[in-house]
């Protein structure tokens, strides 16, 4: 076995990278606005997991920095979801579906 795989940080980085890849894949492959938002949430959660894992690994006096950044990411994700869902609801009123490729122009 590779000794790098037994490093305590390797599991967190692996899970975080898997979440990031799934989020990017979801955002690129789906046309539904809700799925695109879910992909963005996965990407933000992957970043938050990295913040917490690296802060815990580094330790020391600034061990809570990662948790503070993770809380900031969670707040940012909640605000992003609220604004984006409002946009999706407005889009659904003007167009028959929430397909992100359906609207050809925004003004009218």
N, C-alpha and C. Protein backbone atom coordinates (compact mmCIF):
# COMPACT_ATOMS: atom_id res chain seq x y z
N UNK A 1 0.84 -1.19 0.00
CA UNK A 1 0.00 0.00 0.00
C UNK A 1 0.88 1.24 0.00
N UNK A 2 0.34 2.26 -0.63
CA UNK A 2 1.05 3.53 -0.69
C UNK A 2 0.95 4.22 0.66
N UNK A 3 2.09 4.65 1.25
CA UNK A 3 2.02 5.31 2.56
C UNK A 3 1.27 6.64 2.52
N UNK A 4 1.17 7.26 1.35
CA UNK A 4 0.44 8.53 1.28
C UNK A 4 -1.05 8.33 1.50
N UNK A 5 -1.56 7.14 1.22
CA UNK A 5 -2.99 6.88 1.41
C UNK A 5 -3.34 6.73 2.88
N UNK A 6 -2.37 6.49 3.74
CA UNK A 6 -2.63 6.33 5.17
C UNK A 6 -2.49 7.63 5.92
N UNK A 7 -2.21 8.70 5.23
CA UNK A 7 -2.13 10.01 5.86
C UNK A 7 -3.53 10.42 6.31
N UNK A 8 -3.67 10.99 7.52
CA UNK A 8 -5.02 11.30 8.02
C UNK A 8 -5.76 12.33 7.16
N UNK A 9 -5.05 13.13 6.43
CA UNK A 9 -5.68 14.15 5.61
C UNK A 9 -6.15 13.59 4.26
N UNK A 10 -5.62 12.46 3.85
CA UNK A 10 -5.90 11.92 2.52
C UNK A 10 -7.38 11.57 2.34
N UNK A 11 -8.02 11.03 3.36
CA UNK A 11 -9.43 10.68 3.25
C UNK A 11 -10.31 11.90 3.04
N UNK A 12 -10.03 12.97 3.78
CA UNK A 12 -10.81 14.20 3.64
C UNK A 12 -10.62 14.82 2.26
N UNK A 13 -9.39 14.82 1.79
CA UNK A 13 -9.11 15.39 0.48
C UNK A 13 -9.76 14.55 -0.62
N UNK A 14 -9.76 13.23 -0.45
CA UNK A 14 -10.40 12.36 -1.44
C UNK A 14 -11.91 12.61 -1.49
N UNK A 15 -12.56 12.67 -0.34
CA UNK A 15 -14.00 12.92 -0.31
C UNK A 15 -14.32 14.30 -0.86
N UNK A 16 -13.52 15.28 -0.50
CA UNK A 16 -13.74 16.63 -0.99
C UNK A 16 -13.56 16.72 -2.50
N UNK A 17 -12.54 16.06 -3.02
CA UNK A 17 -12.34 16.10 -4.47
C UNK A 17 -13.46 15.36 -5.20
N UNK A 18 -13.95 14.27 -4.62
CA UNK A 18 -15.08 13.56 -5.22
C UNK A 18 -16.33 14.44 -5.23
N UNK A 19 -16.58 15.17 -4.15
CA UNK A 19 -17.72 16.08 -4.10
C UNK A 19 -17.57 17.18 -5.13
N UNK A 20 -16.36 17.71 -5.27
CA UNK A 20 -16.12 18.77 -6.23
C UNK A 20 -16.36 18.29 -7.66
N UNK A 21 -15.83 17.11 -7.98
CA UNK A 21 -16.00 16.57 -9.33
C UNK A 21 -17.47 16.29 -9.62
N UNK A 22 -18.19 15.73 -8.65
CA UNK A 22 -19.63 15.48 -8.83
C UNK A 22 -20.40 16.79 -9.02
N UNK A 23 -20.00 17.82 -8.27
CA UNK A 23 -20.66 19.12 -8.42
C UNK A 23 -20.43 19.73 -9.78
N UNK A 24 -19.19 19.68 -10.26
CA UNK A 24 -18.90 20.22 -11.59
C UNK A 24 -19.63 19.41 -12.66
N UNK A 25 -19.61 18.09 -12.53
CA UNK A 25 -20.30 17.24 -13.50
C UNK A 25 -21.80 17.53 -13.51
N UNK A 26 -22.39 17.73 -12.34
CA UNK A 26 -23.81 18.03 -12.25
C UNK A 26 -24.13 19.37 -12.89
N UNK A 27 -23.28 20.36 -12.65
CA UNK A 27 -23.54 21.68 -13.23
C UNK A 27 -23.41 21.67 -14.75
N UNK A 28 -22.49 20.87 -15.27
CA UNK A 28 -22.26 20.85 -16.71
C UNK A 28 -23.29 19.99 -17.43
N UNK A 29 -23.65 18.86 -16.85
CA UNK A 29 -24.47 17.88 -17.58
C UNK A 29 -25.97 18.13 -17.47
N UNK A 30 -26.42 18.82 -16.47
CA UNK A 30 -27.87 18.99 -16.27
C UNK A 30 -28.36 20.30 -16.86
N UNK A 31 -29.60 20.30 -17.31
CA UNK A 31 -30.21 21.51 -17.84
C UNK A 31 -31.23 22.11 -16.88
N UNK A 32 -31.64 21.35 -15.89
CA UNK A 32 -32.61 21.81 -14.92
C UNK A 32 -31.91 22.75 -13.94
N UNK A 33 -32.52 23.90 -13.67
CA UNK A 33 -31.90 24.91 -12.82
C UNK A 33 -31.70 24.40 -11.39
N UNK A 34 -32.60 23.57 -10.90
CA UNK A 34 -32.46 23.04 -9.54
C UNK A 34 -31.22 22.15 -9.43
N UNK A 35 -30.98 21.33 -10.45
CA UNK A 35 -29.79 20.47 -10.44
C UNK A 35 -28.51 21.29 -10.54
N UNK A 36 -28.55 22.37 -11.30
CA UNK A 36 -27.38 23.24 -11.39
C UNK A 36 -27.08 23.86 -10.03
N UNK A 37 -28.13 24.27 -9.32
CA UNK A 37 -27.94 24.80 -7.97
C UNK A 37 -27.40 23.73 -7.00
N UNK A 38 -27.87 22.51 -7.15
CA UNK A 38 -27.36 21.43 -6.30
C UNK A 38 -25.88 21.18 -6.58
N UNK A 39 -25.47 21.28 -7.84
CA UNK A 39 -24.06 21.14 -8.17
C UNK A 39 -23.22 22.24 -7.55
N UNK A 40 -23.73 23.46 -7.56
CA UNK A 40 -23.02 24.58 -6.93
C UNK A 40 -22.90 24.35 -5.43
N UNK A 41 -23.94 23.82 -4.81
CA UNK A 41 -23.88 23.52 -3.37
C UNK A 41 -22.83 22.44 -3.07
N UNK A 42 -22.74 21.44 -3.94
CA UNK A 42 -21.72 20.41 -3.74
C UNK A 42 -20.31 21.00 -3.82
N UNK A 43 -20.10 21.90 -4.75
CA UNK A 43 -18.79 22.53 -4.87
C UNK A 43 -18.47 23.36 -3.63
N UNK A 44 -19.44 24.11 -3.13
CA UNK A 44 -19.20 24.91 -1.93
C UNK A 44 -18.97 24.02 -0.71
N UNK A 45 -19.69 22.91 -0.60
CA UNK A 45 -19.47 22.00 0.52
C UNK A 45 -18.10 21.33 0.44
N UNK A 46 -17.63 21.05 -0.76
CA UNK A 46 -16.29 20.49 -0.91
C UNK A 46 -15.23 21.48 -0.42
N UNK A 47 -15.42 22.75 -0.74
CA UNK A 47 -14.48 23.77 -0.26
C UNK A 47 -14.53 23.89 1.26
N UNK A 48 -15.73 23.84 1.84
CA UNK A 48 -15.86 23.93 3.30
C UNK A 48 -15.19 22.74 3.98
N UNK A 49 -15.35 21.55 3.41
CA UNK A 49 -14.69 20.37 3.98
C UNK A 49 -13.18 20.51 3.94
N UNK A 50 -12.65 21.05 2.85
CA UNK A 50 -11.21 21.28 2.77
C UNK A 50 -10.74 22.29 3.81
N UNK A 51 -11.50 23.37 4.01
CA UNK A 51 -11.13 24.35 5.02
C UNK A 51 -11.02 23.72 6.40
N UNK A 52 -12.02 22.92 6.76
CA UNK A 52 -12.03 22.30 8.09
C UNK A 52 -10.92 21.26 8.21
N UNK A 53 -10.73 20.45 7.19
CA UNK A 53 -9.72 19.39 7.26
C UNK A 53 -8.32 19.96 7.37
N UNK A 54 -8.00 20.96 6.55
CA UNK A 54 -6.65 21.53 6.60
C UNK A 54 -6.42 22.33 7.88
N UNK A 55 -7.45 22.99 8.40
CA UNK A 55 -7.29 23.70 9.67
C UNK A 55 -7.05 22.72 10.82
N UNK A 56 -7.76 21.61 10.81
CA UNK A 56 -7.55 20.61 11.87
C UNK A 56 -6.18 19.95 11.74
N UNK A 57 -5.77 19.71 10.51
CA UNK A 57 -4.46 19.08 10.28
C UNK A 57 -3.33 20.02 10.71
N UNK A 58 -3.50 21.30 10.43
CA UNK A 58 -2.45 22.26 10.78
C UNK A 58 -2.39 22.48 12.29
N UNK A 59 -3.55 22.52 12.92
CA UNK A 59 -3.60 22.67 14.37
C UNK A 59 -3.07 24.02 14.83
N UNK A 60 -2.56 24.07 16.02
CA UNK A 60 -1.98 25.29 16.55
C UNK A 60 -3.03 26.26 17.06
N UNK A 61 -2.60 27.51 17.19
CA UNK A 61 -3.48 28.54 17.76
C UNK A 61 -4.60 28.93 16.80
N UNK A 62 -4.39 28.75 15.51
CA UNK A 62 -5.39 29.16 14.52
C UNK A 62 -6.21 27.99 14.01
N UNK A 63 -6.48 27.03 14.86
CA UNK A 63 -7.19 25.82 14.44
C UNK A 63 -8.65 26.10 14.10
N UNK A 64 -9.21 27.19 14.61
CA UNK A 64 -10.61 27.50 14.34
C UNK A 64 -10.82 28.29 13.06
N UNK A 65 -9.74 28.64 12.37
CA UNK A 65 -9.88 29.41 11.13
C UNK A 65 -10.67 28.64 10.09
N UNK A 66 -10.42 27.35 9.96
CA UNK A 66 -11.14 26.55 8.99
C UNK A 66 -12.62 26.47 9.28
N UNK A 67 -12.97 26.36 10.56
CA UNK A 67 -14.37 26.32 10.94
C UNK A 67 -15.06 27.65 10.65
N UNK A 68 -14.35 28.75 10.88
CA UNK A 68 -14.94 30.06 10.60
C UNK A 68 -15.16 30.24 9.09
N UNK A 69 -14.19 29.81 8.29
CA UNK A 69 -14.37 29.88 6.85
C UNK A 69 -15.50 28.97 6.39
N UNK A 70 -15.64 27.79 7.01
CA UNK A 70 -16.72 26.88 6.65
C UNK A 70 -18.08 27.48 6.98
N UNK A 71 -18.19 28.14 8.11
CA UNK A 71 -19.45 28.81 8.46
C UNK A 71 -19.75 29.92 7.46
N UNK A 72 -18.71 30.65 7.05
CA UNK A 72 -18.90 31.69 6.03
C UNK A 72 -19.37 31.08 4.72
N UNK A 73 -18.82 29.93 4.34
CA UNK A 73 -19.24 29.25 3.11
C UNK A 73 -20.69 28.80 3.22
N UNK A 74 -21.09 28.30 4.38
CA UNK A 74 -22.48 27.86 4.58
C UNK A 74 -23.43 29.05 4.47
N UNK A 75 -23.06 30.19 5.05
CA UNK A 75 -23.88 31.40 4.95
C UNK A 75 -23.96 31.86 3.50
N UNK A 76 -22.84 31.82 2.81
CA UNK A 76 -22.81 32.20 1.40
C UNK A 76 -23.67 31.27 0.56
N UNK A 77 -23.63 29.97 0.84
CA UNK A 77 -24.44 29.00 0.10
C UNK A 77 -25.93 29.22 0.36
N UNK A 78 -26.29 29.56 1.59
CA UNK A 78 -27.70 29.81 1.89
C UNK A 78 -28.20 31.05 1.16
N UNK A 79 -27.39 32.09 1.14
CA UNK A 79 -27.78 33.31 0.43
C UNK A 79 -27.87 33.05 -1.07
N UNK A 80 -26.91 32.30 -1.60
CA UNK A 80 -26.92 31.96 -3.02
C UNK A 80 -28.16 31.14 -3.38
N UNK A 81 -28.51 30.20 -2.53
CA UNK A 81 -29.68 29.37 -2.80
C UNK A 81 -30.96 30.20 -2.75
N UNK A 82 -31.06 31.12 -1.81
CA UNK A 82 -32.27 31.95 -1.71
C UNK A 82 -32.43 32.85 -2.94
N UNK A 83 -31.35 33.50 -3.35
CA UNK A 83 -31.42 34.37 -4.53
C UNK A 83 -31.68 33.55 -5.79
N UNK A 84 -30.98 32.44 -5.93
CA UNK A 84 -31.13 31.63 -7.13
C UNK A 84 -32.53 31.01 -7.23
N UNK A 85 -33.08 30.59 -6.12
CA UNK A 85 -34.44 30.03 -6.16
C UNK A 85 -35.47 31.11 -6.50
N UNK A 86 -35.22 32.33 -6.05
CA UNK A 86 -36.09 33.44 -6.46
C UNK A 86 -36.02 33.67 -7.96
N UNK A 87 -34.82 33.59 -8.51
CA UNK A 87 -34.65 33.74 -9.97
C UNK A 87 -35.34 32.59 -10.70
N UNK A 88 -35.21 31.38 -10.17
CA UNK A 88 -35.85 30.22 -10.79
C UNK A 88 -37.37 30.37 -10.78
N UNK A 89 -37.92 30.86 -9.68
CA UNK A 89 -39.37 31.05 -9.62
C UNK A 89 -39.84 32.10 -10.62
N UNK A 90 -39.08 33.18 -10.77
CA UNK A 90 -39.42 34.20 -11.76
C UNK A 90 -39.30 33.64 -13.18
N UNK A 91 -38.28 32.83 -13.41
CA UNK A 91 -38.10 32.22 -14.72
C UNK A 91 -39.25 31.27 -15.03
N UNK A 92 -39.72 30.55 -14.02
CA UNK A 92 -40.82 29.60 -14.22
C UNK A 92 -42.13 30.33 -14.54
N UNK A 93 -42.29 31.56 -14.05
CA UNK A 93 -43.49 32.32 -14.38
C UNK A 93 -43.50 32.76 -15.84
N UNK A 94 -42.33 33.01 -16.41
CA UNK A 94 -42.25 33.52 -17.78
C UNK A 94 -42.06 32.42 -18.82
N UNK A 95 -41.53 31.30 -18.43
CA UNK A 95 -41.26 30.21 -19.35
C UNK A 95 -41.91 28.94 -18.81
N UNK A 96 -42.28 28.01 -19.67
CA UNK A 96 -43.01 26.83 -19.20
C UNK A 96 -42.16 25.82 -18.44
N UNK A 97 -40.85 25.95 -18.46
CA UNK A 97 -40.01 24.99 -17.73
C UNK A 97 -38.86 25.74 -17.06
N UNK A 98 -38.11 25.03 -16.24
CA UNK A 98 -36.95 25.63 -15.60
C UNK A 98 -35.66 25.14 -16.24
N UNK A 99 -35.75 24.81 -17.52
CA UNK A 99 -34.59 24.42 -18.30
C UNK A 99 -33.73 25.68 -18.51
N UNK A 100 -32.46 25.61 -18.12
CA UNK A 100 -31.61 26.80 -18.19
C UNK A 100 -31.25 27.18 -19.61
N UNK A 101 -31.50 26.30 -20.58
CA UNK A 101 -31.21 26.63 -21.96
C UNK A 101 -32.43 27.14 -22.70
N UNK A 102 -33.61 27.12 -22.09
CA UNK A 102 -34.85 27.51 -22.76
C UNK A 102 -34.94 29.00 -23.06
N UNK A 103 -34.67 29.89 -22.09
CA UNK A 103 -34.82 31.31 -22.40
C UNK A 103 -33.71 31.78 -23.35
N UNK A 104 -34.12 32.34 -24.47
CA UNK A 104 -33.13 32.82 -25.43
C UNK A 104 -32.73 34.26 -25.14
N UNK A 105 -33.63 35.01 -24.55
CA UNK A 105 -33.27 36.38 -24.15
C UNK A 105 -34.04 36.70 -22.88
N UNK A 106 -33.46 37.56 -22.07
CA UNK A 106 -34.05 37.86 -20.77
C UNK A 106 -35.02 39.03 -20.79
N UNK A 107 -34.83 39.97 -21.68
CA UNK A 107 -35.70 41.14 -21.71
C UNK A 107 -36.94 40.93 -22.54
N UNK A 108 -38.01 41.53 -22.18
CA UNK A 108 -39.28 41.60 -22.92
C UNK A 108 -40.35 42.16 -22.05
